[in-house]
Amino acid sequence: MSGAREVVEKAVFAIEPLIAEMLDYGYTNNDVSLGRLMLGEKELQVQLVVTSNPDEFLISDEED
């Protein structure tokens, strides 16, 4: 997956504008494509999603 780290690094610069747009327009969630990766012949799209809807929250081992 060459380029995966480069694609994910875009999230650092995308997160604050994504949240600002969400708050400015009253969106429940907002998302942006960070880029595409190739896994063999399969194309993947890496996305950054921000949501304020608890029903859409992902369960994470990182959270308490």
Protein backbone atom coordinates (compact mmCIF):
# COMPACT_ATOMS: atom_id res chain seq x y z
CA MET A 1 0.00 0.00 0.00
CA SER A 2 2.47 2.54 -1.13
CA GLY A 3 1.40 6.07 -0.29
CA ALA A 4 -0.84 5.17 2.66
CA ARG A 5 1.01 7.37 5.12
CA GLU A 6 1.02 10.29 2.70
CA VAL A 7 -2.75 9.99 2.25
CA VAL A 8 -3.39 9.81 6.00
CA GLU A 9 -1.13 12.79 6.70
CA LYS A 10 -3.69 14.93 4.85
CA ALA A 11 -6.08 14.37 7.77
CA VAL A 12 -3.99 16.67 9.96
CA PHE A 13 -4.75 19.59 7.66
CA ALA A 14 -8.33 18.56 6.82
CA ILE A 15 -9.82 18.05 10.29
CA GLU A 16 -10.24 21.66 11.46
CA PRO A 17 -11.84 22.97 8.22
CA LEU A 18 -14.08 19.90 8.17
CA ILE A 19 -15.35 20.59 11.70
CA ALA A 20 -15.67 24.35 11.04
CA GLU A 21 -17.81 23.69 7.96
CA MET A 22 -19.91 21.24 9.95
CA LEU A 23 -20.55 23.82 12.67
CA ASP A 24 -21.06 26.76 10.28
CA TYR A 25 -23.75 24.95 8.29
CA GLY A 26 -25.31 22.92 11.10
CA TYR A 27 -24.39 19.56 9.58
CA THR A 28 -24.78 16.46 11.74
CA ASN A 29 -21.76 14.97 10.00
CA ASN A 30 -19.21 15.85 7.37
CA ASP A 31 -16.65 13.91 5.40
CA VAL A 32 -13.82 14.32 2.94
CA SER A 33 -11.82 11.99 0.75
CA LEU A 34 -8.14 11.99 1.68
CA GLY A 35 -7.13 10.04 -1.40
CA ARG A 36 -7.03 6.65 -3.05
CA LEU A 37 -4.78 3.67 -2.58
CA MET A 38 -4.26 0.54 -4.62
CA LEU A 39 -4.26 -2.86 -2.94
CA GLY A 40 -3.19 -5.13 -5.75
CA GLU A 41 -5.83 -4.42 -8.37
CA LYS A 42 -8.35 -3.21 -5.79
CA GLU A 43 -8.84 0.53 -5.35
CA LEU A 44 -9.49 1.90 -1.87
CA GLN A 45 -10.65 5.37 -0.87
CA VAL A 46 -9.48 6.75 2.48
CA GLN A 47 -12.07 8.99 4.11
CA LEU A 48 -12.14 11.28 7.11
CA VAL A 49 -15.58 11.44 8.71
CA VAL A 50 -16.73 13.61 11.60
CA THR A 51 -20.13 12.98 13.16
CA SER A 52 -22.09 14.34 16.10
CA ASN A 53 -24.67 11.56 15.83
CA PRO A 54 -23.98 9.00 18.59
CA ASP A 55 -25.77 6.31 16.56
CA GLU A 56 -23.00 6.61 13.96
CA PHE A 57 -20.10 6.47 16.41
CA LEU A 58 -17.66 3.61 15.87
CA ILE A 59 -16.71 1.45 18.82
CA SER A 60 -13.02 1.89 19.59
CA ASP A 61 -10.65 0.08 21.91
CA GLU A 62 -8.86 3.41 22.32
CA GLU A 63 -11.74 5.03 24.21
CA ASP A 64 -12.52 4.65 27.90
